[in-house]
N, C-alpha and C. Protein backbone atom coordinates (compact mmCIF):
# COMPACT_ATOMS: atom_id res chain seq x y z
N MET A 1 -22.28 -6.51 10.27
CA MET A 1 -20.73 -7.27 10.19
C MET A 1 -20.17 -6.32 10.51
N ALA A 2 -19.30 -6.54 11.98
CA ALA A 2 -18.54 -5.45 12.41
C ALA A 2 -16.91 -5.38 11.49
N ILE A 3 -16.63 -4.42 11.72
CA ILE A 3 -15.57 -4.18 11.46
C ILE A 3 -14.06 -4.46 12.12
N ASP A 4 -13.29 -4.92 11.37
CA ASP A 4 -12.15 -5.86 12.03
C ASP A 4 -11.02 -4.30 12.31
N PRO A 5 -10.78 -3.86 13.72
CA PRO A 5 -9.95 -2.79 13.66
C PRO A 5 -8.54 -2.86 12.78
N ASP A 6 -7.86 -4.34 12.84
CA ASP A 6 -6.81 -4.32 12.49
C ASP A 6 -6.57 -4.26 10.75
N ALA A 7 -7.40 -4.85 10.40
CA ALA A 7 -7.58 -4.50 8.76
C ALA A 7 -7.97 -3.23 8.70
N PHE A 8 -8.67 -2.83 9.27
CA PHE A 8 -9.01 -0.96 9.08
C PHE A 8 -7.59 -0.48 9.46
N ALA A 9 -6.90 -0.33 10.33
CA ALA A 9 -5.48 0.03 10.25
C ALA A 9 -4.90 -0.09 9.39
N GLY A 10 -4.84 -1.55 8.93
CA GLY A 10 -3.90 -1.63 7.72
C GLY A 10 -4.20 -0.98 6.67
N GLU A 11 -5.51 -0.65 6.26
CA GLU A 11 -6.05 -0.12 4.97
C GLU A 11 -5.62 1.27 4.80
N TRP A 12 -5.97 2.12 6.40
CA TRP A 12 -5.73 3.57 6.75
C TRP A 12 -4.16 3.64 6.51
N ALA A 13 -3.39 2.67 6.91
CA ALA A 13 -1.88 3.03 6.85
C ALA A 13 -1.40 2.93 5.10
N LYS A 14 -1.82 2.18 4.89
CA LYS A 14 -1.76 1.63 3.14
C LYS A 14 -2.16 3.11 2.52
N ARG A 15 -3.11 3.67 2.56
CA ARG A 15 -3.57 4.92 2.17
C ARG A 15 -2.67 6.01 2.51
N ALA A 16 -2.28 5.73 3.61
CA ALA A 16 -1.34 7.22 4.05
C ALA A 16 0.10 6.71 3.15
N ILE A 17 0.38 6.15 2.96
CA ILE A 17 1.57 5.61 2.25
C ILE A 17 1.63 6.20 0.84
N ARG A 18 0.33 5.75 0.47
CA ARG A 18 0.14 5.86 -0.87
C ARG A 18 -0.08 7.50 -1.30
N ALA A 19 -1.01 8.18 -0.49
CA ALA A 19 -1.10 9.57 -0.44
C ALA A 19 0.20 10.16 -0.69
N GLU A 20 0.81 9.77 0.49
CA GLU A 20 2.09 10.81 0.65
C GLU A 20 3.34 10.46 -0.71
N MET A 21 3.02 9.16 -1.08
CA MET A 21 3.95 9.00 -2.23
C MET A 21 3.17 9.93 -3.61
N ALA A 22 1.99 9.94 -3.51
CA ALA A 22 1.51 11.07 -4.56
C ALA A 22 1.61 12.42 -4.46
N ARG A 23 1.76 12.90 -3.38
CA ARG A 23 1.91 14.23 -3.07
C ARG A 23 3.31 14.50 -3.50
N ARG A 24 4.42 13.65 -3.65
CA ARG A 24 5.65 13.89 -3.89
C ARG A 24 5.96 13.22 -5.12
N SER A 25 4.74 12.46 -5.76
CA SER A 25 5.20 12.24 -7.45
C SER A 25 6.22 10.95 -7.22
N MET A 26 6.09 10.27 -6.24
CA MET A 26 6.97 9.26 -6.19
C MET A 26 6.18 7.84 -6.82
N THR A 27 7.21 7.15 -7.42
CA THR A 27 6.87 5.61 -7.85
C THR A 27 7.42 4.75 -6.86
N TYR A 28 6.92 3.50 -6.83
CA TYR A 28 7.42 2.60 -6.06
C TYR A 28 8.91 2.46 -6.06
N ARG A 29 9.38 2.70 -7.24
CA ARG A 29 11.09 2.62 -7.43
C ARG A 29 11.80 3.52 -6.84
N ASP A 30 11.03 4.86 -6.71
CA ASP A 30 11.66 5.99 -6.11
C ASP A 30 11.72 5.43 -4.60
N LEU A 31 10.62 5.11 -4.03
CA LEU A 31 10.30 5.07 -2.58
C LEU A 31 11.58 3.96 -2.08
N GLY A 32 11.74 2.63 -3.40
CA GLY A 32 12.55 1.91 -2.73
C GLY A 32 13.95 2.25 -2.79
N ASP A 33 14.25 2.89 -3.64
CA ASP A 33 15.95 3.69 -3.65
C ASP A 33 15.77 4.47 -2.30
N ARG A 34 14.87 5.11 -1.82
CA ARG A 34 15.12 5.98 -0.80
C ARG A 34 15.32 5.38 0.64
N LEU A 35 14.33 4.29 0.38
CA LEU A 35 14.28 3.27 1.83
C LEU A 35 15.82 2.78 1.88
N GLU A 36 16.13 2.40 0.52
CA GLU A 36 17.83 1.63 0.58
C GLU A 36 18.87 2.55 0.93
N ASN A 37 18.71 3.81 1.15
CA ASN A 37 19.80 4.78 1.47
C ASN A 37 19.16 5.31 2.92
N VAL A 38 17.67 5.56 3.51
CA VAL A 38 17.45 5.84 4.82
C VAL A 38 17.66 4.83 5.69
N ALA A 39 17.14 3.57 5.27
CA ALA A 39 17.07 2.44 6.27
C ALA A 39 17.64 1.35 5.89
N ALA A 40 18.46 1.33 4.82
CA ALA A 40 19.11 0.21 4.51
C ALA A 40 18.22 -0.94 4.36
N TYR A 41 17.21 -0.79 3.57
CA TYR A 41 16.21 -1.92 3.54
C TYR A 41 15.86 -2.03 1.85
N GLU A 42 16.40 -3.08 1.58
CA GLU A 42 16.43 -3.47 -0.03
C GLU A 42 15.49 -4.31 -0.24
N GLU A 43 14.22 -3.91 -0.87
CA GLU A 43 13.10 -4.72 -1.62
C GLU A 43 13.03 -4.25 -3.27
N ASP A 44 12.79 -5.13 -4.14
CA ASP A 44 12.36 -4.56 -5.48
C ASP A 44 11.14 -3.80 -5.58
N GLU A 45 10.91 -3.03 -6.71
CA GLU A 45 9.69 -2.53 -6.94
C GLU A 45 8.60 -3.54 -6.64
N ARG A 46 8.69 -4.79 -7.43
CA ARG A 46 7.34 -5.33 -7.09
C ARG A 46 6.89 -5.84 -5.87
N VAL A 47 8.13 -6.34 -4.90
CA VAL A 47 7.92 -6.60 -3.52
C VAL A 47 7.39 -5.34 -2.65
N LEU A 48 8.02 -4.69 -3.18
CA LEU A 48 7.43 -3.31 -2.47
C LEU A 48 5.90 -2.63 -2.51
N ARG A 49 5.74 -2.88 -3.72
CA ARG A 49 4.40 -2.63 -4.28
C ARG A 49 3.27 -3.47 -3.50
N ASN A 50 3.58 -4.76 -3.46
CA ASN A 50 2.88 -5.75 -3.08
C ASN A 50 2.53 -5.70 -1.32
N LYS A 51 3.91 -5.21 -0.94
CA LYS A 51 3.61 -4.89 0.52
C LYS A 51 2.99 -3.93 0.55
N VAL A 52 2.82 -2.92 0.43
CA VAL A 52 2.20 -1.85 0.57
C VAL A 52 0.75 -2.35 0.06
N ALA A 53 0.33 -2.90 -0.66
CA ALA A 53 -1.04 -3.42 -1.24
C ALA A 53 -1.60 -4.19 -0.20
N ARG A 54 -0.85 -5.05 0.36
CA ARG A 54 -1.58 -6.10 1.30
C ARG A 54 -1.81 -4.88 2.85
N GLY A 55 -1.12 -3.92 3.07
CA GLY A 55 -1.27 -3.12 4.18
C GLY A 55 -1.12 -3.97 5.71
N THR A 56 -0.24 -5.25 5.38
CA THR A 56 0.11 -5.81 6.69
C THR A 56 1.25 -5.74 7.18
N PHE A 57 1.92 -4.55 7.06
CA PHE A 57 3.15 -4.33 7.13
C PHE A 57 3.52 -3.63 8.49
N SER A 58 4.31 -3.81 9.19
CA SER A 58 4.89 -3.35 10.46
C SER A 58 4.88 -1.65 10.71
N ALA A 59 4.73 -1.63 11.98
CA ALA A 59 4.59 0.30 12.29
C ALA A 59 6.06 0.71 11.75
N GLY A 60 7.18 -0.15 12.06
CA GLY A 60 8.61 0.26 11.94
C GLY A 60 8.93 0.36 10.40
N PHE A 61 8.12 -0.20 9.56
CA PHE A 61 8.11 -0.24 8.03
C PHE A 61 6.98 1.06 7.50
N PHE A 62 6.21 1.23 8.47
CA PHE A 62 5.38 2.61 7.86
C PHE A 62 6.36 3.70 8.41
N VAL A 63 6.80 3.66 9.08
CA VAL A 63 7.74 5.00 9.80
C VAL A 63 8.85 5.22 8.81
N GLN A 64 9.52 4.05 8.44
CA GLN A 64 10.74 4.11 7.67
C GLN A 64 10.29 4.78 6.27
N CYS A 65 8.79 4.09 5.67
CA CYS A 65 8.67 4.97 4.61
C CYS A 65 8.54 6.36 4.88
N LEU A 66 7.67 6.67 5.79
CA LEU A 66 7.24 8.04 5.67
C LEU A 66 8.83 8.98 5.82
N ALA A 67 9.68 8.46 6.54
CA ALA A 67 11.24 8.93 6.64
C ALA A 67 11.79 8.74 5.34
N ALA A 68 11.33 7.78 4.86
CA ALA A 68 12.33 8.10 3.51
C ALA A 68 12.01 8.78 2.61
N MET A 69 10.41 9.49 2.48
CA MET A 69 9.58 10.20 1.63
C MET A 69 10.35 11.69 2.30
N GLY A 70 10.81 11.74 3.29
CA GLY A 70 10.85 13.12 3.87
C GLY A 70 9.58 13.44 4.41
N CYS A 71 8.35 12.67 4.97
CA CYS A 71 7.43 13.02 5.43
C CYS A 71 7.80 13.92 7.05
N LYS A 72 7.59 14.92 7.08
CA LYS A 72 7.87 15.50 8.46
C LYS A 72 6.31 15.41 9.61
N THR A 73 5.43 15.75 8.79
CA THR A 73 4.28 15.62 9.66
C THR A 73 3.12 14.91 8.72
N LEU A 74 2.23 14.11 9.62
CA LEU A 74 1.07 13.33 9.04
C LEU A 74 -0.17 13.52 10.02
N ASN A 75 -1.27 13.59 9.15
CA ASN A 75 -2.73 14.11 9.99
C ASN A 75 -2.68 12.73 9.71
N VAL A 76 -3.05 12.44 11.19
CA VAL A 76 -3.56 11.09 11.80
C VAL A 76 -4.93 11.08 11.76
N ASP A 77 -6.03 11.31 10.88
CA ASP A 77 -7.17 11.27 11.05
C ASP A 77 -7.93 9.63 11.04
N PHE A 78 -7.22 9.10 11.27
CA PHE A 78 -7.50 7.48 11.85
C PHE A 78 -8.39 7.46 12.75
N LEU A 79 -8.93 8.13 14.04
CA LEU A 79 -10.00 7.84 14.58
C LEU A 79 -11.29 8.57 13.90
N ASP A 80 -11.26 9.42 13.45
CA ASP A 80 -12.19 10.02 12.69
C ASP A 80 -12.73 9.34 11.37
N ALA A 81 -12.03 8.64 10.78
CA ALA A 81 -12.30 7.61 9.85
C ALA A 81 -12.82 6.29 10.17
N TRP A 82 -12.36 5.98 11.92
CA TRP A 82 -12.84 5.10 12.09
C TRP A 82 -14.09 4.71 12.61
N ARG A 83 -14.60 6.07 13.23
CA ARG A 83 -15.98 6.45 13.84
C ARG A 83 -16.90 6.43 12.69
N GLU A 84 -16.37 7.04 11.44
CA GLU A 84 -17.28 6.93 9.92
C GLU A 84 -17.61 5.94 9.69
N ALA A 85 -16.36 4.90 9.40
CA ALA A 85 -16.57 3.53 8.79
C ALA A 85 -17.63 2.99 9.75
N LYS A 86 -17.43 3.01 11.37
CA LYS A 86 -18.31 2.18 12.37
C LYS A 86 -20.08 2.70 12.03
N TYR A 87 -19.80 4.25 11.87
CA TYR A 87 -21.53 4.54 11.73
C TYR A 87 -22.14 4.42 10.74
N GLU A 88 -21.21 4.11 9.43
CA GLU A 88 -22.01 3.75 8.14
C GLU A 88 -22.18 2.06 8.18
N ASP A 89 -21.42 1.43 8.83
CA ASP A 89 -21.48 -0.05 9.01
C ASP A 89 -22.82 -0.48 9.99
N GLU A 90 -22.92 0.38 11.15
CA GLU A 90 -24.07 0.33 11.79
C GLU A 90 -25.33 0.90 11.22
N MET A 91 -25.33 1.75 10.05
CA MET A 91 -26.67 1.93 9.33
C MET A 91 -26.84 1.02 8.46
N ASP A 92 -25.82 0.29 7.64
CA ASP A 92 -26.10 -0.62 6.89
C ASP A 92 -26.41 -1.94 7.55
N GLU A 93 -26.33 -2.39 8.70
CA GLU A 93 -26.57 -3.31 9.54
C GLU A 93 -28.58 -3.06 10.15
N ALA A 94 -28.42 -1.59 10.39
CA ALA A 94 -29.73 -1.44 10.65
C ALA A 94 -30.75 -1.35 9.15
N GLU A 95 -30.21 -1.05 8.14
CA GLU A 95 -31.14 -1.15 7.28
C GLU A 95 -31.14 -2.77 6.54
N ASN A 96 -30.23 -3.20 6.76
CA ASN A 96 -30.32 -4.68 6.63
C ASN A 96 -31.41 -5.47 7.51
N GLN A 97 -31.73 -4.99 8.77
CA GLN A 97 -32.70 -5.60 9.65
C GLN A 97 -33.98 -5.16 9.11
N ASP A 98 -34.37 -3.90 8.85
CA ASP A 98 -35.69 -3.63 8.29
C ASP A 98 -35.94 -4.14 7.21
N LYS A 99 -35.15 -4.84 6.37
CA LYS A 99 -35.77 -5.59 4.98
C LYS A 99 -36.27 -7.02 5.28
């Protein structure tokens, strides 16, 4: 089964937001408050949590979240993670063909 690059990117971005929130011990309410101040973005905690959980948000929203959290740098290990996921997928397919 081939990996959907858009779904993979969304999952990566979702995990990046959650990791940055965890590093700063932030809740979704905290993030919402900061987004309101930084980007004039108003969503309640539940809507924000669901939006991040889906991982189908815009690049603009992603950058606004990082800015609101005060994130100055981000380790973009996306390509490494993509290669690893593709390799694992290929190994799974090869294993299934051997059965």
